[in-house]
PDB file of N, CA and C in Angstrom:
ATOM      1  N   MET A   1    -104.076 157.633  18.325  1.00  0.00           N
ATOM      2  CA  MET A   1    -103.531 156.335  19.017  1.00  0.00           C
ATOM      3  C   MET A   1    -102.652 155.410  17.877  1.00  0.00           C
ATOM      4  N   ALA A   2    -101.403 155.102  18.243  1.00  0.00           N
ATOM      5  CA  ALA A   2    -100.688 154.107  17.275  1.00  0.00           C
ATOM      6  C   ALA A   2    -101.173 152.714  17.201  1.00  0.00           C
ATOM      7  N   VAL A   3    -101.184 152.142  15.939  1.00  0.00           N
ATOM      8  CA  VAL A   3    -101.568 150.708  15.875  1.00  0.00           C
ATOM      9  C   VAL A   3    -100.469 150.147  14.946  1.00  0.00           C
ATOM     10  N   PRO A   4    -100.164 148.846  15.358  1.00  0.00           N
ATOM     11  CA  PRO A   4     -98.728 148.285  14.408  1.00  0.00           C
ATOM     12  C   PRO A   4     -99.526 148.107  12.953  1.00  0.00           C
ATOM     13  N   PHE A   5     -98.685 148.258  12.265  1.00  0.00           N
ATOM     14  CA  PHE A   5     -99.128 148.292  10.476  1.00  0.00           C
ATOM     15  C   PHE A   5     -99.235 146.533  10.276  1.00  0.00           C
ATOM     16  N   ARG A   6     -98.474 145.736  11.007  1.00  0.00           N
ATOM     17  CA  ARG A   6     -98.562 144.195  10.758  1.00  0.00           C
ATOM     18  C   ARG A   6     -98.599 143.636  11.962  1.00  0.00           C
ATOM     19  N   ARG A   7     -98.952 142.551  12.069  1.00  0.00           N
ATOM     20  CA  ARG A   7     -98.950 141.477  13.065  1.00  0.00           C
ATOM     21  C   ARG A   7     -97.534 141.035  13.473  1.00  0.00           C
ATOM     22  N   THR A   8     -97.490 141.141  14.721  1.00  0.00           N
ATOM     23  CA  THR A   8     -95.979 140.432  15.191  1.00  0.00           C
ATOM     24  C   THR A   8     -96.113 138.883  15.086  1.00  0.00           C
ATOM     25  N   SER A   9     -95.173 138.191  14.383  1.00  0.00           N
ATOM     26  CA  SER A   9     -94.769 136.836  14.091  1.00  0.00           C
ATOM     27  C   SER A   9     -94.749 136.086  15.538  1.00  0.00           C
ATOM     28  N   LYS A  10     -94.891 134.968  15.516  1.00  0.00           N
ATOM     29  CA  LYS A  10     -94.584 134.048  16.550  1.00  0.00           C
ATOM     30  C   LYS A  10     -93.310 133.908  17.027  1.00  0.00           C
ATOM     31  N   THR A  11     -92.612 133.922  16.165  1.00  0.00           N
ATOM     32  CA  THR A  11     -90.819 133.939  16.322  1.00  0.00           C
ATOM     33  C   THR A  11     -90.503 134.943  16.931  1.00  0.00           C
ATOM     34  N   LYS A  12     -90.676 136.418  16.468  1.00  0.00           N
ATOM     35  CA  LYS A  12     -90.494 137.619  16.779  1.00  0.00           C
ATOM     36  C   LYS A  12     -91.079 137.774  18.186  1.00  0.00           C
ATOM     37  N   LYS A  13     -91.969 137.186  18.561  1.00  0.00           N
ATOM     38  CA  LYS A  13     -92.691 137.400  19.959  1.00  0.00           C
ATOM     39  C   LYS A  13     -92.241 136.500  20.925  1.00  0.00           C
ATOM     40  N   LYS A  14     -91.405 135.395  20.412  1.00  0.00           N
ATOM     41  CA  LYS A  14     -90.453 134.381  21.402  1.00  0.00           C
ATOM     42  C   LYS A  14     -89.272 134.931  21.544  1.00  0.00           C
ATOM     43  N   MET A  15     -88.793 135.294  20.449  1.00  0.00           N
ATOM     44  CA  MET A  15     -87.538 136.128  20.689  1.00  0.00           C
ATOM     45  C   MET A  15     -87.547 137.144  21.725  1.00  0.00           C
ATOM     46  N   ARG A  16     -88.138 138.060  21.420  1.00  0.00           N
ATOM     47  CA  ARG A  16     -88.391 139.168  22.666  1.00  0.00           C
ATOM     48  C   ARG A  16     -88.702 138.773  23.865  1.00  0.00           C
ATOM     49  N   ARG A  17     -89.265 137.783  24.240  1.00  0.00           N
ATOM     50  CA  ARG A  17     -89.452 137.038  25.453  1.00  0.00           C
ATOM     51  C   ARG A  17     -88.538 135.867  25.955  1.00  0.00           C
ATOM     52  N   THR A  18     -87.448 135.596  25.591  1.00  0.00           N
ATOM     53  CA  THR A  18     -86.469 134.646  26.019  1.00  0.00           C
ATOM     54  C   THR A  18     -86.151 134.614  27.238  1.00  0.00           C
ATOM     55  N   HIS A  19     -85.931 135.932  28.136  1.00  0.00           N
ATOM     56  CA  HIS A  19     -85.413 136.071  28.778  1.00  0.00           C
ATOM     57  C   HIS A  19     -86.460 136.040  30.302  1.00  0.00           C
ATOM     58  N   LEU A  20     -87.593 135.707  29.566  1.00  0.00           N
ATOM     59  CA  LEU A  20     -88.943 135.675  30.601  1.00  0.00           C
ATOM     60  C   LEU A  20     -89.025 134.310  31.168  1.00  0.00           C
ATOM     61  N   LYS A  21     -88.041 133.301  30.918  1.00  0.00           N
ATOM     62  CA  LYS A  21     -88.292 131.689  31.166  1.00  0.00           C
ATOM     63  C   LYS A  21     -88.070 131.644  32.850  1.00  0.00           C
ATOM     64  N   LYS A  22     -88.499 130.837  33.463  1.00  0.00           N
ATOM     65  CA  LYS A  22     -88.525 130.144  34.911  1.00  0.00           C
ATOM     66  C   LYS A  22     -87.077 129.488  35.020  1.00  0.00           C
ATOM     67  N   THR A  23     -86.517 129.488  36.080  1.00  0.00           N
ATOM     68  CA  THR A  23     -85.639 128.957  36.624  1.00  0.00           C
ATOM     69  C   THR A  23     -85.654 127.878  37.816  1.00  0.00           C
ATOM     70  N   VAL A  24     -84.873 127.104  37.611  1.00  0.00           N
ATOM     71  CA  VAL A  24     -84.936 125.925  38.609  1.00  0.00           C
ATOM     72  C   VAL A  24     -84.406 126.685  40.074  1.00  0.00           C
ATOM     73  N   GLY A  25     -85.323 126.117  41.191  1.00  0.00           N
ATOM     74  CA  GLY A  25     -84.464 126.751  42.459  1.00  0.00           C
ATOM     75  C   GLY A  25     -83.416 125.697  42.961  1.00  0.00           C
ATOM     76  N   ALA A  26     -82.316 126.405  43.524  1.00  0.00           N
ATOM     77  CA  ALA A  26     -81.212 125.466  44.430  1.00  0.00           C
ATOM     78  C   ALA A  26     -81.847 124.546  44.956  1.00  0.00           C
ATOM     79  N   LEU A  27     -81.008 123.420  45.014  1.00  0.00           N
ATOM     80  CA  LEU A  27     -81.305 122.061  45.848  1.00  0.00           C
ATOM     81  C   LEU A  27     -80.225 121.350  46.476  1.00  0.00           C
ATOM     82  N   THR A  28     -80.271 121.003  47.784  1.00  0.00           N
ATOM     83  CA  THR A  28     -78.946 120.353  48.405  1.00  0.00           C
ATOM     84  C   THR A  28     -79.626 119.031  48.738  1.00  0.00           C
ATOM     85  N   THR A  29     -78.643 118.181  49.027  1.00  0.00           N
ATOM     86  CA  THR A  29     -78.814 117.073  49.571  1.00  0.00           C
ATOM     87  C   THR A  29     -78.845 116.754  51.091  1.00  0.00           C
ATOM     88  N   CYS A  30     -79.600 115.905  51.496  1.00  0.00           N
ATOM     89  CA  CYS A  30     -79.200 115.565  53.031  1.00  0.00           C
ATOM     90  C   CYS A  30     -78.199 115.085  53.257  1.00  0.00           C
ATOM     91  N   PRO A  31     -77.224 115.564  54.421  1.00  0.00           N
ATOM     92  CA  PRO A  31     -76.406 114.660  54.674  1.00  0.00           C
ATOM     93  C   PRO A  31     -76.185 113.095  55.478  1.00  0.00           C
ATOM     94  N   LYS A  32     -77.424 112.949  56.040  1.00  0.00           N
ATOM     95  CA  LYS A  32     -77.693 111.797  56.432  1.00  0.00           C
ATOM     96  C   LYS A  32     -78.042 110.950  55.723  1.00  0.00           C
ATOM     97  N   CYS A  33     -79.372 111.203  55.165  1.00  0.00           N
ATOM     98  CA  CYS A  33     -80.123 110.091  54.174  1.00  0.00           C
ATOM     99  C   CYS A  33     -79.841 110.434  52.835  1.00  0.00           C
ATOM    100  N   GLY A  34     -79.312 111.453  52.145  1.00  0.00           N
ATOM    101  CA  GLY A  34     -79.018 111.761  50.822  1.00  0.00           C
ATOM    102  C   GLY A  34     -80.189 112.202  50.105  1.00  0.00           C
ATOM    103  N   ALA A  35     -81.302 112.650  50.361  1.00  0.00           N
ATOM    104  CA  ALA A  35     -82.352 113.044  49.947  1.00  0.00           C
ATOM    105  C   ALA A  35     -82.329 114.433  49.595  1.00  0.00           C
ATOM    106  N   THR A  36     -82.724 114.846  48.289  1.00  0.00           N
ATOM    107  CA  THR A  36     -82.596 116.389  47.726  1.00  0.00           C
ATOM    108  C   THR A  36     -83.995 116.933  48.727  1.00  0.00           C
ATOM    109  N   LEU A  37     -83.447 118.274  48.920  1.00  0.00           N
ATOM    110  CA  LEU A  37     -84.157 119.343  49.307  1.00  0.00           C
ATOM    111  C   LEU A  37     -83.840 120.706  49.209  1.00  0.00           C
ATOM    112  N   ARG A  38     -84.817 121.527  49.569  1.00  0.00           N
ATOM    113  CA  ARG A  38     -84.462 123.116  49.392  1.00  0.00           C
ATOM    114  C   ARG A  38     -83.352 123.189  50.739  1.00  0.00           C
ATOM    115  N   PRO A  39     -82.756 124.264  50.381  1.00  0.00           N
ATOM    116  CA  PRO A  39     -81.901 124.786  51.403  1.00  0.00           C
ATOM    117  C   PRO A  39     -82.592 125.497  52.508  1.00  0.00           C
ATOM    118  N   HIS A  40     -81.632 125.350  53.933  1.00  0.00           N
ATOM    119  CA  HIS A  40     -82.356 125.940  55.115  1.00  0.00           C
ATOM    120  C   HIS A  40     -83.814 125.183  55.264  1.00  0.00           C
ATOM    121  N   ARG A  41     -83.937 124.037  55.098  1.00  0.00           N
ATOM    122  CA  ARG A  41     -85.192 123.692  55.495  1.00  0.00           C
ATOM    123  C   ARG A  41     -85.016 122.026  56.275  1.00  0.00           C
ATOM    124  N   ALA A  42     -85.740 121.388  57.128  1.00  0.00           N
ATOM    125  CA  ALA A  42     -85.434 120.207  57.537  1.00  0.00           C
ATOM    126  C   ALA A  42     -85.902 119.109  56.566  1.00  0.00           C
ATOM    127  N   CYS A  43     -85.349 117.952  56.519  1.00  0.00           N
ATOM    128  CA  CYS A  43     -85.468 116.915  55.659  1.00  0.00           C
ATOM    129  C   CYS A  43     -86.591 116.237  55.935  1.00  0.00           C
ATOM    130  N   THR A  44     -87.574 115.834  54.996  1.00  0.00           N
ATOM    131  CA  THR A  44     -88.940 115.371  55.342  1.00  0.00           C
ATOM    132  C   THR A  44     -88.898 113.861  55.344  1.00  0.00           C
ATOM    133  N   LYS A  45     -87.502 113.250  54.692  1.00  0.00           N
ATOM    134  CA  LYS A  45     -87.546 111.788  55.064  1.00  0.00           C
ATOM    135  C   LYS A  45     -86.947 111.426  56.317  1.00  0.00           C
ATOM    136  N   CYS A  46     -85.864 112.140  56.857  1.00  0.00           N
ATOM    137  CA  CYS A  46     -85.276 111.809  58.005  1.00  0.00           C
ATOM    138  C   CYS A  46     -85.764 112.809  59.226  1.00  0.00           C
ATOM    139  N   GLY A  47     -86.082 113.851  58.935  1.00  0.00           N
ATOM    140  CA  GLY A  47     -86.239 114.795  59.928  1.00  0.00           C
ATOM    141  C   GLY A  47     -85.213 115.781  60.698  1.00  0.00           C
ATOM    142  N   ASN A  48     -84.067 115.513  60.244  1.00  0.00           N
ATOM    143  CA  ASN A  48     -82.946 116.157  60.659  1.00  0.00           C
ATOM    144  C   ASN A  48     -82.543 117.490  59.901  1.00  0.00           C
ATOM    145  N   TYR A  49     -82.163 118.742  60.544  1.00  0.00           N
ATOM    146  CA  TYR A  49     -81.663 119.680  60.084  1.00  0.00           C
ATOM    147  C   TYR A  49     -80.604 120.358  61.245  1.00  0.00           C
ATOM    148  N   ASN A  50     -79.465 120.487  60.413  1.00  0.00           N
ATOM    149  CA  ASN A  50     -78.196 120.675  61.014  1.00  0.00           C
ATOM    150  C   ASN A  50     -77.783 119.786  61.837  1.00  0.00           C
ATOM    151  N   GLY A  51     -77.772 118.723  61.651  1.00  0.00           N
ATOM    152  CA  GLY A  51     -77.176 117.744  62.578  1.00  0.00           C
ATOM    153  C   GLY A  51     -77.870 117.172  63.527  1.00  0.00           C
ATOM    154  N   LYS A  52     -79.306 117.737  63.781  1.00  0.00           N
ATOM    155  CA  LYS A  52     -80.150 117.149  65.002  1.00  0.00           C
ATOM    156  C   LYS A  52     -81.463 116.991  64.384  1.00  0.00           C
ATOM    157  N   GLU A  53     -82.240 116.111  65.220  1.00  0.00           N
ATOM    158  CA  GLU A  53     -83.622 115.798  64.702  1.00  0.00           C
ATOM    159  C   GLU A  53     -84.480 116.580  65.359  1.00  0.00           C
ATOM    160  N   VAL A  54     -85.206 117.367  64.554  1.00  0.00           N
ATOM    161  CA  VAL A  54     -86.172 118.560  64.805  1.00  0.00           C
ATOM    162  C   VAL A  54     -87.470 118.026  64.632  1.00  0.00           C
ATOM    163  N   ILE A  55     -87.721 116.826  63.565  1.00  0.00           N
ATOM    164  CA  ILE A  55     -88.926 116.426  63.317  1.00  0.00           C
ATOM    165  C   ILE A  55     -89.143 114.823  63.250  1.00  0.00           C
ATOM    166  N   LYS A  56     -90.117 114.515  64.181  1.00  0.00           N
ATOM    167  CA  LYS A  56     -90.085 112.921  64.336  1.00  0.00           C
ATOM    168  C   LYS A  56     -90.917 112.410  63.252  1.00  0.00           C
ATOM    169  N   VAL A  57     -90.317 111.455  62.233  1.00  0.00           N
ATOM    170  CA  VAL A  57     -90.629 110.947  61.147  1.00  0.00           C
ATOM    171  C   VAL A  57     -91.247 109.529  61.728  1.00  0.00           C
ATOM    172  N   THR A  58     -92.396 109.051  61.168  1.00  0.00           N
ATOM    173  CA  THR A  58     -92.817 107.722  61.337  1.00  0.00           C
ATOM    174  C   THR A  58     -92.897 107.049  59.966  1.00  0.00           C
ATOM    175  N   GLU A  59     -92.430 105.797  59.738  1.00  0.00           N
ATOM    176  CA  GLU A  59     -92.723 104.997  58.707  1.00  0.00           C
ATOM    177  C   GLU A  59     -93.829 104.540  58.575  1.00  0.00           C
ATOM    178  N   ASN A  60     -94.563 104.558  57.475  1.00  0.00           N
ATOM    179  CA  ASN A  60     -95.714 103.560  57.124  1.00  0.00           C
ATOM    180  C   ASN A  60     -95.398 102.355  56.518  1.00  0.00           C
ATOM    181  N   GLU A  61     -95.960 101.470  57.315  1.00  0.00           N
ATOM    182  CA  GLU A  61     -95.631 100.006  56.896  1.00  0.00           C
ATOM    183  C   GLU A  61     -96.898  99.548  56.089  1.00  0.00           C
ATOM    184  N   GLU A  62     -96.875  99.100  54.908  1.00  0.00           N
ATOM    185  CA  GLU A  62     -98.088  98.395  54.287  1.00  0.00           C
ATOM    186  C   GLU A  62     -97.784  97.250  53.989  1.00  0.00           C
TER     187      GLU A  62
END
């Protein structure tokens, strides 16, 4: 079984793994209230999706 002669340095290991980074998912803005949200989902702030109210959102007054 082959064994590496020398230890892989931190720099070499990180250079090899540069393509394994995470990416940020796509975000859109709600046309009614302007909140940022993921595409194809109802807005959690105002409850609208595709110009229609699909979720009733109640405001908590403190």
